C-alpha atoms as a PDB file:
ATOM      1  CA  MET A   1     142.160 100.365  55.030  1.00  0.00           C
ATOM      2  CA  ALA A   2     139.041 102.409  55.053  1.00  0.00           C
ATOM      3  CA  ASN A   3     136.028 102.160  52.965  1.00  0.00           C
ATOM      4  CA  THR A   4     135.143 105.798  51.894  1.00  0.00           C
ATOM      5  CA  ALA A   5     131.900 107.951  51.467  1.00  0.00           C
ATOM      6  CA  GLY A   6     132.293 107.800  47.847  1.00  0.00           C
ATOM      7  CA  ASP A   7     132.974 103.730  48.090  1.00  0.00           C
ATOM      8  CA  ILE A   8     129.856 103.078  49.861  1.00  0.00           C
ATOM      9  CA  ALA A   9     127.820 105.633  47.294  1.00  0.00           C
ATOM     10  CA  ARG A  10     129.143 103.468  43.850  1.00  0.00           C
ATOM     11  CA  LEU A  11     128.321 100.177  46.107  1.00  0.00           C
ATOM     12  CA  ARG A  12     123.843 101.707  46.688  1.00  0.00           C
ATOM     13  CA  ARG A  13     124.149 102.688  43.015  1.00  0.00           C
ATOM     14  CA  GLU A  14     125.039  99.141  41.797  1.00  0.00           C
ATOM     15  CA  LEU A  15     122.904  98.149  43.591  1.00  0.00           C
ATOM     16  CA  ALA A  16     119.882  99.574  42.376  1.00  0.00           C
ATOM     17  CA  ASP A  17     120.829  99.634  38.594  1.00  0.00           C
ATOM     18  CA  CYS A  18     121.258  95.749  39.204  1.00  0.00           C
ATOM     19  CA  ARG A  19     118.595  95.387  41.688  1.00  0.00           C
ATOM     20  CA  GLY A  20     115.805  93.784  38.982  1.00  0.00           C
ATOM     21  CA  LEU A  21     118.558  91.345  37.507  1.00  0.00           C
ATOM     22  CA  LEU A  22     119.314  90.568  40.985  1.00  0.00           C
ATOM     23  CA  ALA A  23     115.643  89.556  41.903  1.00  0.00           C
ATOM     24  CA  ALA A  24     115.157  87.813  38.907  1.00  0.00           C
ATOM     25  CA  LEU A  25     117.633  85.405  38.902  1.00  0.00           C
ATOM     26  CA  GLY A  26     117.199  85.065  43.151  1.00  0.00           C
ATOM     27  CA  ASP A  27     114.023  82.995  42.347  1.00  0.00           C
ATOM     28  CA  GLU A  28     114.157  79.266  42.575  1.00  0.00           C
ATOM     29  CA  SER A  29     111.617  78.411  40.012  1.00  0.00           C
ATOM     30  CA  ARG A  30     112.989  80.859  37.237  1.00  0.00           C
ATOM     31  CA  GLN A  31     116.869  79.457  37.615  1.00  0.00           C
ATOM     32  CA  GLN A  32     114.545  76.542  36.828  1.00  0.00           C
ATOM     33  CA  LEU A  33     113.347  78.074  33.858  1.00  0.00           C
ATOM     34  CA  LEU A  34     116.707  79.950  33.078  1.00  0.00           C
ATOM     35  CA  LEU A  35     118.461  75.759  33.661  1.00  0.00           C
ATOM     36  CA  ALA A  36     116.179  74.429  31.023  1.00  0.00           C
ATOM     37  CA  MET A  37     115.856  76.470  28.445  1.00  0.00           C
ATOM     38  CA  LEU A  38     120.183  76.214  28.484  1.00  0.00           C
ATOM     39  CA  SER A  39     120.039  72.545  28.496  1.00  0.00           C
ATOM     40  CA  GLY A  40     116.713  72.592  26.101  1.00  0.00           C
ATOM     41  CA  PRO A  41     117.069  73.163  21.716  1.00  0.00           C
ATOM     42  CA  CYS A  42     119.514  75.629  20.258  1.00  0.00           C
ATOM     43  CA  GLY A  43     116.375  77.340  18.498  1.00  0.00           C
ATOM     44  CA  GLY A  44     114.503  77.902  22.311  1.00  0.00           C
ATOM     45  CA  CYS A  45     112.006  76.417  24.203  1.00  0.00           C
ATOM     46  CA  ARG A  46     108.239  77.026  24.104  1.00  0.00           C
ATOM     47  CA  ALA A  47     106.830  77.943  27.288  1.00  0.00           C
ATOM     48  CA  VAL A  48     104.200  74.618  27.348  1.00  0.00           C
ATOM     49  CA  ASP A  49     108.081  72.410  27.365  1.00  0.00           C
ATOM     50  CA  LEU A  50     108.902  75.173  29.966  1.00  0.00           C
ATOM     51  CA  ALA A  51     106.449  73.580  31.950  1.00  0.00           C
ATOM     52  CA  ALA A  52     106.734  70.321  31.824  1.00  0.00           C
ATOM     53  CA  GLN A  53     110.461  70.814  32.788  1.00  0.00           C
ATOM     54  CA  ALA A  54     109.966  72.976  35.823  1.00  0.00           C
ATOM     55  CA  SER A  55     106.988  71.172  37.553  1.00  0.00           C
ATOM     56  CA  LEU A  56     104.789  74.620  36.980  1.00  0.00           C
ATOM     57  CA  SER A  57     101.659  75.866  35.695  1.00  0.00           C
ATOM     58  CA  ARG A  58     102.211  77.688  31.674  1.00  0.00           C
ATOM     59  CA  PRO A  59     100.486  80.576  33.392  1.00  0.00           C
ATOM     60  CA  ALA A  60     103.423  80.737  36.245  1.00  0.00           C
ATOM     61  CA  VAL A  61     105.813  79.854  33.691  1.00  0.00           C
ATOM     62  CA  SER A  62     104.576  82.877  31.267  1.00  0.00           C
ATOM     63  CA  ARG A  63     105.289  85.595  34.547  1.00  0.00           C
ATOM     64  CA  HIS A  64     108.053  83.663  35.507  1.00  0.00           C
ATOM     65  CA  LEU A  65     109.773  84.648  31.358  1.00  0.00           C
ATOM     66  CA  ASN A  66     108.124  88.327  31.040  1.00  0.00           C
ATOM     67  CA  VAL A  67     110.539  89.077  34.917  1.00  0.00           C
ATOM     68  CA  LEU A  68     113.070  87.600  33.094  1.00  0.00           C
ATOM     69  CA  ARG A  69     112.673  88.626  29.486  1.00  0.00           C
ATOM     70  CA  GLN A  70     111.865  92.809  31.882  1.00  0.00           C
ATOM     71  CA  ALA A  71     115.163  91.201  33.178  1.00  0.00           C
ATOM     72  CA  GLY A  72     117.093  91.493  30.149  1.00  0.00           C
ATOM     73  CA  LEU A  73     118.525  88.418  30.723  1.00  0.00           C
ATOM     74  CA  VAL A  74     115.573  85.951  27.876  1.00  0.00           C
ATOM     75  CA  ARG A  75     114.398  86.905  24.689  1.00  0.00           C
ATOM     76  CA  THR A  76     111.603  85.498  22.332  1.00  0.00           C
ATOM     77  CA  ARG A  77     110.946  84.387  18.939  1.00  0.00           C
ATOM     78  CA  ARG A  78     107.700  84.235  17.728  1.00  0.00           C
ATOM     79  CA  GLU A  79     107.107  81.839  14.879  1.00  0.00           C
ATOM     80  CA  GLY A  80     103.926  81.833  13.778  1.00  0.00           C
ATOM     81  CA  ALA A  81     101.064  80.722  16.235  1.00  0.00           C
ATOM     82  CA  ARG A  82     104.228  79.546  18.538  1.00  0.00           C
ATOM     83  CA  VAL A  83     106.597  81.277  20.567  1.00  0.00           C
ATOM     84  CA  TYR A  84     109.524  80.022  21.544  1.00  0.00           C
ATOM     85  CA  HIS A  85     111.906  81.722  24.962  1.00  0.00           C
ATOM     86  CA  TYR A  86     116.034  81.671  24.870  1.00  0.00           C
ATOM     87  CA  LEU A  87     118.494  82.667  26.863  1.00  0.00           C
ATOM     88  CA  ALA A  88     120.473  85.753  25.041  1.00  0.00           C
ATOM     89  CA  PRO A  89     121.411  88.075  28.313  1.00  0.00           C
ATOM     90  CA  ASP A  90     122.647  91.569  27.599  1.00  0.00           C
ATOM     91  CA  PRO A  91     125.991  91.742  28.174  1.00  0.00           C
ATOM     92  CA  ALA A  92     126.172  95.763  29.341  1.00  0.00           C
ATOM     93  CA  LEU A  93     123.668  94.098  31.997  1.00  0.00           C
ATOM     94  CA  LEU A  94     126.303  91.276  32.791  1.00  0.00           C
ATOM     95  CA  ARG A  95     129.341  94.246  32.881  1.00  0.00           C
ATOM     96  CA  GLN A  96     127.883  95.614  35.289  1.00  0.00           C
ATOM     97  CA  LEU A  97     126.784  92.780  37.567  1.00  0.00           C
ATOM     98  CA  THR A  98     130.732  92.017  37.868  1.00  0.00           C
ATOM     99  CA  GLY A  99     132.000  95.383  37.780  1.00  0.00           C
ATOM    100  CA  LEU A 100     128.686  94.905  41.170  1.00  0.00           C
ATOM    101  CA  VAL A 101     130.974  91.855  42.309  1.00  0.00           C
ATOM    102  CA  LEU A 102     133.921  92.740  42.307  1.00  0.00           C
ATOM    103  CA  ASP A 103     133.540  96.437  44.101  1.00  0.00           C
ATOM    104  CA  VAL A 104     132.032  94.021  46.794  1.00  0.00           C
ATOM    105  CA  GLN A 105     134.667  92.103  47.293  1.00  0.00           C
ATOM    106  CA  ARG A 106     137.003  95.426  46.988  1.00  0.00           C
ATOM    107  CA  ILE A 107     135.351  96.679  49.826  1.00  0.00           C
ATOM    108  CA  ALA A 108     134.593  94.070  51.706  1.00  0.00           C
ATOM    109  CA  ALA A 109     138.521  93.646  51.514  1.00  0.00           C
ATOM    110  CA  GLY A 110     138.926  96.720  52.799  1.00  0.00           C
ATOM    111  CA  ALA A 111     137.506  96.798  55.615  1.00  0.00           C
ATOM    112  CA  PRO A 112     138.239  95.984  58.993  1.00  0.00           C
ATOM    113  CA  ASP A 113     138.487  92.026  60.612  1.00  0.00           C
ATOM    114  CA  ARG A 114     135.127  91.756  62.084  1.00  0.00           C
ATOM    115  CA  SER A 115     136.333  88.041  62.818  1.00  0.00           C
ATOM    116  CA  ALA A 116     137.434  88.052  66.685  1.00  0.00           C
ATOM    117  CA  PRO A 117     135.593  88.800  69.605  1.00  0.00           C
ATOM    118  CA  GLN A 118     134.450  92.387  69.962  1.00  0.00           C
ATOM    119  CA  ALA A 119     134.849  93.867  73.638  1.00  0.00           C
ATOM    120  CA  PRO A 120     131.709  94.972  75.119  1.00  0.00           C
ATOM    121  CA  ALA A 121     130.826  98.853  74.494  1.00  0.00           C
ATOM    122  CA  ALA A 122     131.392 100.901  77.087  1.00  0.00           C
ATOM    123  CA  PRO A 123     127.597 101.955  78.955  1.00  0.00           C
ATOM    124  CA  PRO A 124     126.741 105.341  77.859  1.00  0.00           C
ATOM    125  CA  PRO A 125     127.174 107.961  80.136  1.00  0.00           C
ATOM    126  CA  PRO A 126     124.549 109.417  82.457  1.00  0.00           C
ATOM    127  CA  ARG A 127     122.789 112.114  81.548  1.00  0.00           C
ATOM    128  CA  ALA A 128     122.840 115.371  83.171  1.00  0.00           C
ATOM    129  CA  ASP A 129     118.823 115.665  83.534  1.00  0.00           C
ATOM    130  CA  ALA A 130     118.818 112.030  84.896  1.00  0.00           C
ATOM    131  CA  VAL A 131     117.411 111.979  88.029  1.00  0.00           C
ATOM    132  CA  GLN A 132     119.650 110.838  90.502  1.00  0.00           C
END
């Protein structure tokens, strides 16, 4: 079964909707920070503590945390002068990502099998205005 133009258009929209999340998750340093937050205290982690765990500078951690926050993955809580960061993904964002993955799976299942060697393409016919 061939995929329709509508399938491809929907996938294009879903990719655009998830672009920020995918970019945030695609960076290895941000992945390390997410894992550090998951293994840290339930109340959240300070940037200085995350920097020590991830072997990054505190300014680098702050930049990465800002990307994760803008992507809807991380939230912050202030206690006096201290700022705690914790993983709190937006449920709607996770549903979008799940929908994207399921659509990619469905569209890939509908694509023709390309694993077998393909016959070489026939050469294009000579142009009528070509010099002989």
